[in-house]
Amino acid sequence: DQNVRRFHIAMQQIPLVCVVECIGDRGHNATGWEAYFALPIVIYFFTYGGLFYDLLIAPLLLIKKTRFIGFLLTMFFHLTNYYLFNIGIFPWFMMATTPHLL
């Protein structure tokens, strides 16, 4: 039981450690929107939001009744990636090709 408890606590801290390592000193000297991304609640929101998105998007897109919701979530996901990360044309390419896969 003690090992399971330690593992559970460690798994809860991984998102914070990863983001703090990525942000570095920017979290302490952040201004504007960057300061919000250093908040633990925002880190948890994006970490677990991404996890739930990855788990649920396939069923949402496969079921005809929920396909439109899945499409909107996919567009939101790619727009968020475009504005938060510098990954080039990839989000726009994926937004352009997603309707062809439906």
N, C-alpha and C. Protein backbone atom coordinates (compact mmCIF):
# COMPACT_ATOMS: atom_id res chain seq x y z
N ASP A 1 0.81 -1.20 0.00
CA ASP A 1 0.00 0.00 0.00
C ASP A 1 0.85 1.27 0.00
N GLN A 2 1.93 1.24 0.75
CA GLN A 2 2.79 2.42 0.84
C GLN A 2 3.44 2.72 -0.52
N ASN A 3 3.87 1.68 -1.25
CA ASN A 3 4.48 1.89 -2.56
C ASN A 3 3.47 2.44 -3.56
N VAL A 4 2.26 1.94 -3.49
CA VAL A 4 1.20 2.44 -4.38
C VAL A 4 0.92 3.90 -4.08
N ARG A 5 0.89 4.25 -2.82
CA ARG A 5 0.63 5.64 -2.43
C ARG A 5 1.75 6.56 -2.91
N ARG A 6 3.00 6.13 -2.77
CA ARG A 6 4.13 6.92 -3.26
C ARG A 6 4.07 7.10 -4.77
N PHE A 7 3.74 6.02 -5.46
CA PHE A 7 3.63 6.08 -6.92
C PHE A 7 2.54 7.07 -7.33
N HIS A 8 1.40 7.03 -6.65
CA HIS A 8 0.30 7.93 -6.96
C HIS A 8 0.70 9.39 -6.75
N ILE A 9 1.38 9.67 -5.66
CA ILE A 9 1.84 11.04 -5.38
C ILE A 9 2.86 11.48 -6.43
N ALA A 10 3.76 10.60 -6.81
CA ALA A 10 4.76 10.94 -7.84
C ALA A 10 4.09 11.22 -9.17
N MET A 11 3.07 10.44 -9.54
CA MET A 11 2.38 10.65 -10.81
C MET A 11 1.63 11.99 -10.83
N GLN A 12 1.16 12.44 -9.69
CA GLN A 12 0.48 13.73 -9.63
C GLN A 12 1.47 14.88 -9.78
N GLN A 13 2.71 14.68 -9.42
CA GLN A 13 3.70 15.75 -9.48
C GLN A 13 4.38 15.84 -10.83
N ILE A 14 4.29 14.83 -11.67
CA ILE A 14 4.98 14.82 -12.96
C ILE A 14 4.59 16.02 -13.83
N PRO A 15 3.29 16.36 -13.98
CA PRO A 15 2.98 17.52 -14.83
C PRO A 15 3.64 18.80 -14.34
N LEU A 16 3.67 19.01 -13.03
CA LEU A 16 4.29 20.22 -12.50
C LEU A 16 5.79 20.23 -12.75
N VAL A 17 6.45 19.11 -12.54
CA VAL A 17 7.89 19.04 -12.74
C VAL A 17 8.23 19.28 -14.20
N CYS A 18 7.49 18.65 -15.11
CA CYS A 18 7.77 18.80 -16.55
C CYS A 18 7.60 20.24 -17.00
N VAL A 19 6.55 20.89 -16.57
CA VAL A 19 6.31 22.26 -17.01
C VAL A 19 7.30 23.21 -16.37
N VAL A 20 7.64 23.00 -15.11
CA VAL A 20 8.61 23.87 -14.46
C VAL A 20 9.96 23.73 -15.15
N GLU A 21 10.33 22.53 -15.55
CA GLU A 21 11.59 22.34 -16.27
C GLU A 21 11.55 23.04 -17.62
N CYS A 22 10.41 22.98 -18.30
CA CYS A 22 10.28 23.61 -19.62
C CYS A 22 10.27 25.13 -19.51
N ILE A 23 9.59 25.65 -18.51
CA ILE A 23 9.48 27.10 -18.36
C ILE A 23 10.77 27.69 -17.81
N GLY A 24 11.39 26.98 -16.86
CA GLY A 24 12.62 27.48 -16.25
C GLY A 24 12.36 28.76 -15.48
N ASP A 25 13.19 29.78 -15.71
CA ASP A 25 13.05 31.05 -15.01
C ASP A 25 11.91 31.90 -15.54
N ARG A 26 11.36 31.55 -16.68
CA ARG A 26 10.26 32.36 -17.22
C ARG A 26 9.07 32.37 -16.29
N GLY A 27 8.88 31.29 -15.52
CA GLY A 27 7.75 31.24 -14.59
C GLY A 27 7.86 32.30 -13.50
N HIS A 28 9.08 32.62 -13.10
CA HIS A 28 9.28 33.61 -12.04
C HIS A 28 9.30 35.03 -12.60
N ASN A 29 9.79 35.19 -13.80
CA ASN A 29 9.89 36.52 -14.41
C ASN A 29 8.83 36.74 -15.48
N ALA A 30 7.78 35.96 -15.46
CA ALA A 30 6.79 36.03 -16.52
C ALA A 30 5.93 37.28 -16.39
N THR A 31 5.54 37.79 -17.54
CA THR A 31 4.62 38.92 -17.58
C THR A 31 3.49 38.55 -18.53
N GLY A 32 2.36 39.16 -18.34
CA GLY A 32 1.23 38.91 -19.22
C GLY A 32 0.73 37.48 -19.10
N TRP A 33 0.45 36.87 -20.26
CA TRP A 33 -0.13 35.53 -20.30
C TRP A 33 0.81 34.46 -19.81
N GLU A 34 2.12 34.67 -19.94
CA GLU A 34 3.07 33.66 -19.49
C GLU A 34 2.94 33.38 -18.00
N ALA A 35 2.56 34.39 -17.23
CA ALA A 35 2.42 34.20 -15.79
C ALA A 35 1.29 33.22 -15.48
N TYR A 36 0.24 33.22 -16.27
CA TYR A 36 -0.88 32.29 -16.04
C TYR A 36 -0.48 30.85 -16.33
N PHE A 37 0.37 30.64 -17.31
CA PHE A 37 0.78 29.28 -17.66
C PHE A 37 1.70 28.66 -16.63
N ALA A 38 2.22 29.45 -15.71
CA ALA A 38 3.06 28.92 -14.64
C ALA A 38 2.23 28.52 -13.42
N LEU A 39 0.94 28.85 -13.41
CA LEU A 39 0.08 28.49 -12.28
C LEU A 39 -0.20 26.99 -12.28
N PRO A 40 -0.14 26.36 -11.13
CA PRO A 40 -0.39 24.90 -11.07
C PRO A 40 -1.75 24.49 -11.62
N ILE A 41 -2.80 25.28 -11.38
CA ILE A 41 -4.13 24.90 -11.87
C ILE A 41 -4.17 24.90 -13.40
N VAL A 42 -3.48 25.83 -14.02
CA VAL A 42 -3.43 25.88 -15.48
C VAL A 42 -2.62 24.71 -16.02
N ILE A 43 -1.55 24.37 -15.33
CA ILE A 43 -0.72 23.23 -15.73
C ILE A 43 -1.54 21.95 -15.67
N TYR A 44 -2.28 21.77 -14.58
CA TYR A 44 -3.13 20.58 -14.46
C TYR A 44 -4.23 20.57 -15.51
N PHE A 45 -4.82 21.73 -15.79
CA PHE A 45 -5.88 21.79 -16.80
C PHE A 45 -5.37 21.32 -18.15
N PHE A 46 -4.23 21.83 -18.58
CA PHE A 46 -3.71 21.45 -19.89
C PHE A 46 -3.21 20.00 -19.90
N THR A 47 -2.62 19.56 -18.81
CA THR A 47 -2.12 18.19 -18.75
C THR A 47 -3.26 17.18 -18.82
N TYR A 48 -4.21 17.32 -17.93
CA TYR A 48 -5.31 16.36 -17.90
C TYR A 48 -6.32 16.61 -19.02
N GLY A 49 -6.46 17.85 -19.46
CA GLY A 49 -7.29 18.12 -20.62
C GLY A 49 -6.76 17.42 -21.86
N GLY A 50 -5.44 17.46 -22.04
CA GLY A 50 -4.82 16.76 -23.17
C GLY A 50 -4.99 15.26 -23.05
N LEU A 51 -4.88 14.74 -21.83
CA LEU A 51 -5.06 13.31 -21.61
C LEU A 51 -6.48 12.89 -21.99
N PHE A 52 -7.48 13.62 -21.49
CA PHE A 52 -8.86 13.27 -21.79
C PHE A 52 -9.18 13.47 -23.27
N TYR A 53 -8.60 14.49 -23.89
CA TYR A 53 -8.79 14.70 -25.32
C TYR A 53 -8.28 13.49 -26.09
N ASP A 54 -7.06 13.05 -25.77
CA ASP A 54 -6.48 11.91 -26.47
C ASP A 54 -7.29 10.63 -26.27
N LEU A 55 -7.84 10.46 -25.08
CA LEU A 55 -8.62 9.25 -24.80
C LEU A 55 -10.00 9.28 -25.46
N LEU A 56 -10.60 10.45 -25.58
CA LEU A 56 -11.98 10.54 -26.03
C LEU A 56 -12.17 10.91 -27.49
N ILE A 57 -11.14 11.42 -28.15
CA ILE A 57 -11.35 11.94 -29.49
C ILE A 57 -11.69 10.84 -30.50
N ALA A 58 -11.07 9.68 -30.38
CA ALA A 58 -11.37 8.59 -31.32
C ALA A 58 -12.83 8.15 -31.23
N PRO A 59 -13.36 7.86 -30.03
CA PRO A 59 -14.78 7.50 -29.97
C PRO A 59 -15.70 8.64 -30.42
N LEU A 60 -15.34 9.88 -30.08
CA LEU A 60 -16.18 11.00 -30.50
C LEU A 60 -16.25 11.12 -32.02
N LEU A 61 -15.15 10.88 -32.69
CA LEU A 61 -15.14 10.98 -34.15
C LEU A 61 -15.73 9.75 -34.83
N LEU A 62 -15.72 8.62 -34.16
CA LEU A 62 -16.27 7.40 -34.76
C LEU A 62 -17.78 7.30 -34.64
N ILE A 63 -18.34 7.86 -33.58
CA ILE A 63 -19.79 7.81 -33.37
C ILE A 63 -20.43 8.98 -34.12
N LYS A 64 -21.38 8.67 -34.99
CA LYS A 64 -21.94 9.70 -35.87
C LYS A 64 -22.63 10.83 -35.09
N LYS A 65 -23.28 10.53 -33.98
CA LYS A 65 -23.98 11.55 -33.21
C LYS A 65 -23.03 12.54 -32.53
N THR A 66 -21.83 12.12 -32.22
CA THR A 66 -20.88 12.98 -31.51
C THR A 66 -19.76 13.49 -32.42
N ARG A 67 -19.85 13.20 -33.69
CA ARG A 67 -18.77 13.56 -34.62
C ARG A 67 -18.55 15.07 -34.69
N PHE A 68 -19.61 15.86 -34.69
CA PHE A 68 -19.47 17.32 -34.77
C PHE A 68 -18.76 17.86 -33.54
N ILE A 69 -19.08 17.34 -32.36
CA ILE A 69 -18.41 17.76 -31.13
C ILE A 69 -16.93 17.40 -31.20
N GLY A 70 -16.63 16.20 -31.68
CA GLY A 70 -15.24 15.78 -31.84
C GLY A 70 -14.50 16.67 -32.82
N PHE A 71 -15.17 17.06 -33.90
CA PHE A 71 -14.56 17.95 -34.88
C PHE A 71 -14.24 19.31 -34.26
N LEU A 72 -15.18 19.87 -33.49
CA LEU A 72 -14.94 21.16 -32.83
C LEU A 72 -13.79 21.06 -31.82
N LEU A 73 -13.76 19.98 -31.07
CA LEU A 73 -12.66 19.80 -30.11
C LEU A 73 -11.31 19.67 -30.83
N THR A 74 -11.32 19.01 -31.97
CA THR A 74 -10.09 18.87 -32.74
C THR A 74 -9.61 20.22 -33.27
N MET A 75 -10.53 21.03 -33.75
CA MET A 75 -10.15 22.36 -34.23
C MET A 75 -9.61 23.22 -33.08
N PHE A 76 -10.28 23.13 -31.92
CA PHE A 76 -9.80 23.87 -30.75
C PHE A 76 -8.41 23.39 -30.33
N PHE A 77 -8.19 22.09 -30.35
CA PHE A 77 -6.89 21.52 -29.99
C PHE A 77 -5.79 22.04 -30.91
N HIS A 78 -6.04 22.04 -32.21
CA HIS A 78 -5.01 22.48 -33.15
C HIS A 78 -4.78 23.99 -33.08
N LEU A 79 -5.84 24.77 -32.86
CA LEU A 79 -5.65 26.22 -32.70
C LEU A 79 -4.87 26.53 -31.42
N THR A 80 -5.16 25.79 -30.36
CA THR A 80 -4.41 25.97 -29.12
C THR A 80 -2.93 25.65 -29.33
N ASN A 81 -2.66 24.56 -30.05
CA ASN A 81 -1.27 24.22 -30.35
C ASN A 81 -0.59 25.32 -31.16
N TYR A 82 -1.32 25.89 -32.09
CA TYR A 82 -0.72 26.95 -32.92
C TYR A 82 -0.34 28.16 -32.07
N TYR A 83 -1.23 28.56 -31.17
CA TYR A 83 -0.97 29.77 -30.39
C TYR A 83 0.00 29.56 -29.23
N LEU A 84 0.08 28.34 -28.69
CA LEU A 84 0.95 28.10 -27.53
C LEU A 84 2.35 27.64 -27.90
N PHE A 85 2.47 26.92 -29.01
CA PHE A 85 3.76 26.33 -29.36
C PHE A 85 4.19 26.81 -30.73
N ASN A 86 5.47 26.87 -30.93
CA ASN A 86 6.02 27.27 -32.22
C ASN A 86 6.33 26.01 -33.02
N ILE A 87 5.28 25.42 -33.64
CA ILE A 87 5.48 24.16 -34.36
C ILE A 87 5.20 24.30 -35.84
N GLY A 88 5.26 25.51 -36.33
CA GLY A 88 5.17 25.73 -37.77
C GLY A 88 3.79 25.52 -38.36
N ILE A 89 3.76 24.90 -39.51
CA ILE A 89 2.53 24.76 -40.29
C ILE A 89 1.68 23.56 -39.87
N PHE A 90 2.20 22.71 -39.01
CA PHE A 90 1.52 21.47 -38.65
C PHE A 90 0.07 21.66 -38.21
N PRO A 91 -0.25 22.58 -37.28
CA PRO A 91 -1.66 22.72 -36.88
C PRO A 91 -2.57 23.11 -38.05
N TRP A 92 -2.09 23.98 -38.93
CA TRP A 92 -2.91 24.40 -40.07
C TRP A 92 -3.10 23.25 -41.05
N PHE A 93 -2.06 22.46 -41.25
CA PHE A 93 -2.15 21.30 -42.12
C PHE A 93 -3.16 20.30 -41.56
N MET A 94 -3.13 20.07 -40.26
CA MET A 94 -4.05 19.13 -39.64
C MET A 94 -5.49 19.65 -39.67
N MET A 95 -5.68 20.95 -39.49
CA MET A 95 -7.03 21.51 -39.59
C MET A 95 -7.57 21.39 -41.00
N ALA A 96 -6.70 21.53 -41.99
CA ALA A 96 -7.13 21.42 -43.38
C ALA A 96 -7.46 19.98 -43.77
N THR A 97 -6.76 19.02 -43.19
CA THR A 97 -6.99 17.62 -43.57
C THR A 97 -8.02 16.90 -42.71
N THR A 98 -8.35 17.41 -41.54
CA THR A 98 -9.32 16.73 -40.66
C THR A 98 -10.68 16.54 -41.33
N PRO A 99 -11.26 17.54 -42.01
CA PRO A 99 -12.57 17.30 -42.63
C PRO A 99 -12.53 16.19 -43.69
N HIS A 100 -11.40 15.96 -44.31
CA HIS A 100 -11.30 14.90 -45.32
C HIS A 100 -11.35 13.52 -44.70
N LEU A 101 -11.00 13.44 -43.42
CA LEU A 101 -11.03 12.14 -42.74
C LEU A 101 -12.40 11.80 -42.17
N LEU A 102 -13.29 12.77 -42.14
CA LEU A 102 -14.62 12.50 -41.60
C LEU A 102 -15.47 11.98 -42.70
